[in-house]
Amino acid sequence: MRKYGIKFGIDQSKDLIEHGYRFIHYYTMNLETSVIKIIEGANIVDRSRALPFVKPTAEYRKEETVRPIFWSNNPTNYIQ
């Protein structure tokens, strides 16, 4: 059943992209490995690009390890 769901998700993602949708939101429901397989199978992620995260230089923020996501400025999901 899981394999079918992944294939269905890949096919649906490709269809949405072909019809001009620029943003797709995936709910993992604690099954992130399935979602990762879907986005990899749909060839959505460009792994050749570096993630746009620069460590903060302000003293009080130097220990931050979270990559902030500003969806309006960067429509690509962060995957790691």
Foldseek 3Di string as FASTA:
>chain_A
DLVVVLVVLLVVVLVCVVVPDDADDDDCVVPVVSVVSSCVSNVPDDPVDDDPADQDPPPVRNPDDDGDDDCVVDVDDDDD
